Amino acid sequence: MVKYTWIKKSVPKELLVKQIYGIVFSNDGNILLRVDNNKYKLTGGKPENSDDNFCDTLKREYIEELNIELENIHYLGYLLVEEKQEKYAQVRMIAKIKNVSNIRPDIDNGKIYGRFMSKQINVKTYLNYQDLAGNQLIDDAIKLANEKYNFIFTNEEYYI
């Protein structure tokens, strides 16, 4: 059984970071979700080398998977994952969309993903996390984004 715990602190130096994902917002306050086989997901990936910092990894993954540039990136916290005898971190960040380019295949696997903008109040329904930690991190991401970014809210959800 895998146990997830949401922690709003820096990752301890001794804890391996296996994943960096973003909760990314548009100017209208919506949250960008990647659509893969009719399932809604956040976007991110693994640090590829020791020189990558969290922001570099997040920017690279959004370009590779969704062809979207990010800006105004902020560290949010990490999920502590306890799996069998192993413990590791999955970092979460928030960011704003800087530029949206044409959809193209993911350079790693050739898949073409959908890009859906969810209203903040609906995002947990789309993501459908079954654990408390996943839902806590979404709540904290929305709270921090509403403090950091000046949104002009609309009442629409849409594909980009």
C-alpha atoms as a PDB file:
ATOM      1  CA  MET A   1       0.000   0.000   0.000  1.00  0.00           C
ATOM      2  CA  VAL A   2       1.330   3.425  -0.958  1.00  0.00           C
ATOM      3  CA  LYS A   3       0.957   6.234   1.573  1.00  0.00           C
ATOM      4  CA  TYR A   4       0.923   9.910   0.481  1.00  0.00           C
ATOM      5  CA  THR A   5       1.442  12.817   2.873  1.00  0.00           C
ATOM      6  CA  TRP A   6       1.222  16.459   1.740  1.00  0.00           C
ATOM      7  CA  ILE A   7       4.029  18.613   3.181  1.00  0.00           C
ATOM      8  CA  LYS A   8       4.295  22.386   2.679  1.00  0.00           C
ATOM      9  CA  LYS A   9       8.018  22.658   3.406  1.00  0.00           C
ATOM     10  CA  SER A  10      11.246  22.336   1.454  1.00  0.00           C
ATOM     11  CA  VAL A  11      12.278  18.839   0.472  1.00  0.00           C
ATOM     12  CA  PRO A  12      14.938  17.513   2.891  1.00  0.00           C
ATOM     13  CA  LYS A  13      18.326  17.099   1.179  1.00  0.00           C
ATOM     14  CA  GLU A  14      18.436  13.385   1.946  1.00  0.00           C
ATOM     15  CA  LEU A  15      15.058  12.703   0.266  1.00  0.00           C
ATOM     16  CA  LEU A  16      15.147  11.726  -3.417  1.00  0.00           C
ATOM     17  CA  VAL A  17      12.890  13.788  -5.726  1.00  0.00           C
ATOM     18  CA  LYS A  18      11.371  11.480  -8.331  1.00  0.00           C
ATOM     19  CA  GLN A  19       8.758  13.795  -9.824  1.00  0.00           C
ATOM     20  CA  ILE A  20       7.997  17.494 -10.371  1.00  0.00           C
ATOM     21  CA  TYR A  21       4.478  18.484 -11.419  1.00  0.00           C
ATOM     22  CA  GLY A  22       2.741  21.816 -11.805  1.00  0.00           C
ATOM     23  CA  ILE A  23      -0.649  23.284 -11.095  1.00  0.00           C
ATOM     24  CA  VAL A  24      -0.727  25.845 -13.881  1.00  0.00           C
ATOM     25  CA  PHE A  25      -3.111  28.781 -14.181  1.00  0.00           C
ATOM     26  CA  SER A  26      -4.358  30.967 -17.023  1.00  0.00           C
ATOM     27  CA  ASN A  27      -5.010  34.704 -16.712  1.00  0.00           C
ATOM     28  CA  ASP A  28      -8.690  33.937 -16.068  1.00  0.00           C
ATOM     29  CA  GLY A  29      -7.837  31.767 -13.047  1.00  0.00           C
ATOM     30  CA  ASN A  30      -8.543  28.436 -14.703  1.00  0.00           C
ATOM     31  CA  ILE A  31      -6.267  25.447 -14.159  1.00  0.00           C
ATOM     32  CA  LEU A  32      -4.619  23.680 -17.096  1.00  0.00           C
ATOM     33  CA  LEU A  33      -5.192  19.922 -17.217  1.00  0.00           C
ATOM     34  CA  ARG A  34      -3.622  17.464 -19.623  1.00  0.00           C
ATOM     35  CA  VAL A  35      -6.155  15.113 -21.199  1.00  0.00           C
ATOM     36  CA  ASP A  36      -4.878  11.593 -21.884  1.00  0.00           C
ATOM     37  CA  ASN A  37      -7.366   8.878 -22.944  1.00  0.00           C
ATOM     38  CA  ASN A  38     -10.283  10.920 -21.541  1.00  0.00           C
ATOM     39  CA  LYS A  39      -8.556  11.245 -18.145  1.00  0.00           C
ATOM     40  CA  TYR A  40      -7.593  14.609 -16.674  1.00  0.00           C
ATOM     41  CA  LYS A  41      -4.113  14.948 -15.204  1.00  0.00           C
ATOM     42  CA  LEU A  42      -1.506  17.430 -14.098  1.00  0.00           C
ATOM     43  CA  THR A  43       1.662  17.708 -16.155  1.00  0.00           C
ATOM     44  CA  GLY A  44       5.256  17.206 -15.100  1.00  0.00           C
ATOM     45  CA  GLY A  45       8.014  14.667 -15.014  1.00  0.00           C
ATOM     46  CA  LYS A  46      11.341  13.521 -13.620  1.00  0.00           C
ATOM     47  CA  PRO A  47      14.437  15.638 -13.165  1.00  0.00           C
ATOM     48  CA  GLU A  48      16.710  14.424 -15.990  1.00  0.00           C
ATOM     49  CA  ASN A  49      20.073  15.450 -14.623  1.00  0.00           C
ATOM     50  CA  SER A  50      21.628  16.783 -11.455  1.00  0.00           C
ATOM     51  CA  ASP A  51      21.826  20.315 -12.897  1.00  0.00           C
ATOM     52  CA  ASP A  52      18.032  20.559 -13.293  1.00  0.00           C
ATOM     53  CA  ASN A  53      16.311  22.642 -10.699  1.00  0.00           C
ATOM     54  CA  PHE A  54      12.582  22.273 -10.067  1.00  0.00           C
ATOM     55  CA  CYS A  55      11.656  25.226 -12.308  1.00  0.00           C
ATOM     56  CA  ASP A  56      13.784  23.976 -15.206  1.00  0.00           C
ATOM     57  CA  THR A  57      12.203  20.528 -15.020  1.00  0.00           C
ATOM     58  CA  LEU A  58       8.684  21.939 -14.915  1.00  0.00           C
ATOM     59  CA  LYS A  59       9.297  24.297 -17.848  1.00  0.00           C
ATOM     60  CA  ARG A  60      10.842  21.503 -19.924  1.00  0.00           C
ATOM     61  CA  GLU A  61       7.980  19.081 -19.256  1.00  0.00           C
ATOM     62  CA  TYR A  62       5.274  21.607 -20.213  1.00  0.00           C
ATOM     63  CA  ILE A  63       7.056  22.345 -23.492  1.00  0.00           C
ATOM     64  CA  GLU A  64       7.610  18.651 -24.247  1.00  0.00           C
ATOM     65  CA  GLU A  65       4.108  17.433 -23.373  1.00  0.00           C
ATOM     66  CA  LEU A  66       1.815  20.406 -24.095  1.00  0.00           C
ATOM     67  CA  ASN A  67       3.946  22.963 -25.994  1.00  0.00           C
ATOM     68  CA  ILE A  68       3.152  25.622 -23.399  1.00  0.00           C
ATOM     69  CA  GLU A  69       5.643  28.078 -21.879  1.00  0.00           C
ATOM     70  CA  LEU A  70       5.395  28.884 -18.169  1.00  0.00           C
ATOM     71  CA  GLU A  71       6.265  31.930 -16.087  1.00  0.00           C
ATOM     72  CA  ASN A  72       5.962  33.187 -12.514  1.00  0.00           C
ATOM     73  CA  ILE A  73       6.726  29.767 -11.008  1.00  0.00           C
ATOM     74  CA  HIS A  74       6.490  29.194  -7.261  1.00  0.00           C
ATOM     75  CA  TYR A  75       7.349  26.192  -5.104  1.00  0.00           C
ATOM     76  CA  LEU A  76       4.278  24.794  -3.319  1.00  0.00           C
ATOM     77  CA  GLY A  77       5.440  21.717  -1.386  1.00  0.00           C
ATOM     78  CA  TYR A  78       5.837  17.988  -1.870  1.00  0.00           C
ATOM     79  CA  LEU A  79       4.057  14.712  -1.496  1.00  0.00           C
ATOM     80  CA  LEU A  80       5.984  12.337   0.734  1.00  0.00           C
ATOM     81  CA  VAL A  81       5.504   8.940  -0.861  1.00  0.00           C
ATOM     82  CA  GLU A  82       6.020   5.861   1.298  1.00  0.00           C
ATOM     83  CA  GLU A  83       6.041   2.738  -0.808  1.00  0.00           C
ATOM     84  CA  LYS A  84       7.208  -0.592   0.652  1.00  0.00           C
ATOM     85  CA  GLN A  85      10.604   0.225   2.184  1.00  0.00           C
ATOM     86  CA  GLU A  86      11.170   3.351   0.062  1.00  0.00           C
ATOM     87  CA  LYS A  87      10.434   7.019   0.768  1.00  0.00           C
ATOM     88  CA  TYR A  88      10.695   9.748  -1.864  1.00  0.00           C
ATOM     89  CA  ALA A  89       9.314  13.171  -2.802  1.00  0.00           C
ATOM     90  CA  GLN A  90       6.979  14.318  -5.560  1.00  0.00           C
ATOM     91  CA  VAL A  91       7.382  18.115  -5.787  1.00  0.00           C
ATOM     92  CA  ARG A  92       4.457  20.374  -6.680  1.00  0.00           C
ATOM     93  CA  MET A  93       4.764  23.910  -8.059  1.00  0.00           C
ATOM     94  CA  ILE A  94       2.363  26.567  -9.303  1.00  0.00           C
ATOM     95  CA  ALA A  95       2.890  28.663 -12.435  1.00  0.00           C
ATOM     96  CA  LYS A  96       1.134  30.854 -14.954  1.00  0.00           C
ATOM     97  CA  ILE A  97       0.842  30.233 -18.657  1.00  0.00           C
ATOM     98  CA  LYS A  98       3.163  32.534 -20.581  1.00  0.00           C
ATOM     99  CA  ASN A  99       2.562  31.314 -24.125  1.00  0.00           C
ATOM    100  CA  VAL A 100       0.440  28.633 -25.799  1.00  0.00           C
ATOM    101  CA  SER A 101       1.797  27.187 -29.049  1.00  0.00           C
ATOM    102  CA  ASN A 102       0.192  24.719 -31.432  1.00  0.00           C
ATOM    103  CA  ILE A 103      -0.452  21.225 -30.157  1.00  0.00           C
ATOM    104  CA  ARG A 104       2.228  18.755 -31.233  1.00  0.00           C
ATOM    105  CA  PRO A 105       3.233  15.217 -30.255  1.00  0.00           C
ATOM    106  CA  ASP A 106       5.073  14.702 -26.961  1.00  0.00           C
ATOM    107  CA  ILE A 107       8.737  14.416 -27.966  1.00  0.00           C
ATOM    108  CA  ASP A 108       9.272  11.498 -25.550  1.00  0.00           C
ATOM    109  CA  ASN A 109       6.404   9.204 -26.576  1.00  0.00           C
ATOM    110  CA  GLY A 110       4.680  10.677 -29.644  1.00  0.00           C
ATOM    111  CA  LYS A 111       1.316  11.082 -27.883  1.00  0.00           C
ATOM    112  CA  ILE A 112      -0.836  14.120 -28.548  1.00  0.00           C
ATOM    113  CA  TYR A 113      -2.522  15.340 -25.378  1.00  0.00           C
ATOM    114  CA  GLY A 114      -5.589  17.501 -25.001  1.00  0.00           C
ATOM    115  CA  ARG A 115      -5.283  20.775 -23.091  1.00  0.00           C
ATOM    116  CA  PHE A 116      -8.306  21.615 -20.946  1.00  0.00           C
ATOM    117  CA  MET A 117      -8.852  24.696 -18.788  1.00  0.00           C
ATOM    118  CA  SER A 118     -10.869  23.802 -15.678  1.00  0.00           C
ATOM    119  CA  LYS A 119     -12.524  26.234 -13.314  1.00  0.00           C
ATOM    120  CA  GLN A 120     -10.886  26.156  -9.897  1.00  0.00           C
ATOM    121  CA  ILE A 121     -14.036  24.843  -8.221  1.00  0.00           C
ATOM    122  CA  ASN A 122     -14.205  21.859 -10.615  1.00  0.00           C
ATOM    123  CA  VAL A 123     -10.573  20.775 -10.797  1.00  0.00           C
ATOM    124  CA  LYS A 124     -10.719  18.243  -7.952  1.00  0.00           C
ATOM    125  CA  THR A 125     -13.694  16.576  -9.630  1.00  0.00           C
ATOM    126  CA  TYR A 126     -11.762  16.234 -12.903  1.00  0.00           C
ATOM    127  CA  LEU A 127      -8.596  14.959 -11.205  1.00  0.00           C
ATOM    128  CA  ASN A 128     -10.580  12.607  -8.962  1.00  0.00           C
ATOM    129  CA  TYR A 129      -7.803  12.039  -6.418  1.00  0.00           C
ATOM    130  CA  GLN A 130      -8.733   9.256  -4.007  1.00  0.00           C
ATOM    131  CA  ASP A 131      -6.419  10.431  -1.221  1.00  0.00           C
ATOM    132  CA  LEU A 132      -6.551  13.379   1.153  1.00  0.00           C
ATOM    133  CA  ALA A 133      -3.008  14.530   0.289  1.00  0.00           C
ATOM    134  CA  GLY A 134      -3.796  15.056  -3.412  1.00  0.00           C
ATOM    135  CA  ASN A 135      -6.851  17.140  -2.582  1.00  0.00           C
ATOM    136  CA  GLN A 136      -4.947  19.147   0.040  1.00  0.00           C
ATOM    137  CA  LEU A 137      -2.252  20.093  -2.452  1.00  0.00           C
ATOM    138  CA  ILE A 138      -4.878  21.322  -4.945  1.00  0.00           C
ATOM    139  CA  ASP A 139      -6.508  23.480  -2.240  1.00  0.00           C
ATOM    140  CA  ASP A 140      -3.099  24.923  -1.307  1.00  0.00           C
ATOM    141  CA  ALA A 141      -2.215  25.552  -4.971  1.00  0.00           C
ATOM    142  CA  ILE A 142      -5.428  27.494  -5.532  1.00  0.00           C
ATOM    143  CA  LYS A 143      -4.917  29.511  -2.356  1.00  0.00           C
ATOM    144  CA  LEU A 144      -1.314  30.428  -3.239  1.00  0.00           C
ATOM    145  CA  ALA A 145      -2.193  31.241  -6.866  1.00  0.00           C
ATOM    146  CA  ASN A 146      -5.024  33.535  -5.786  1.00  0.00           C
ATOM    147  CA  GLU A 147      -2.503  35.371  -3.557  1.00  0.00           C
ATOM    148  CA  LYS A 148       0.296  35.571  -6.177  1.00  0.00           C
ATOM    149  CA  TYR A 149      -1.570  36.181  -9.435  1.00  0.00           C
ATOM    150  CA  ASN A 150      -4.092  38.801 -10.505  1.00  0.00           C
ATOM    151  CA  PHE A 151      -6.847  36.797 -12.157  1.00  0.00           C
ATOM    152  CA  ILE A 152      -9.711  38.146 -14.232  1.00  0.00           C
ATOM    153  CA  PHE A 153     -12.150  35.310 -13.597  1.00  0.00           C
ATOM    154  CA  THR A 154     -14.521  34.036 -16.248  1.00  0.00           C
ATOM    155  CA  ASN A 155     -17.215  31.433 -15.873  1.00  0.00           C
ATOM    156  CA  GLU A 156     -16.076  29.209 -18.742  1.00  0.00           C
ATOM    157  CA  GLU A 157     -14.192  25.971 -19.171  1.00  0.00           C
ATOM    158  CA  TYR A 158     -12.552  25.305 -22.519  1.00  0.00           C
ATOM    159  CA  TYR A 159      -9.947  23.421 -24.541  1.00  0.00           C
ATOM    160  CA  ILE A 160      -6.897  25.293 -25.810  1.00  0.00           C
END
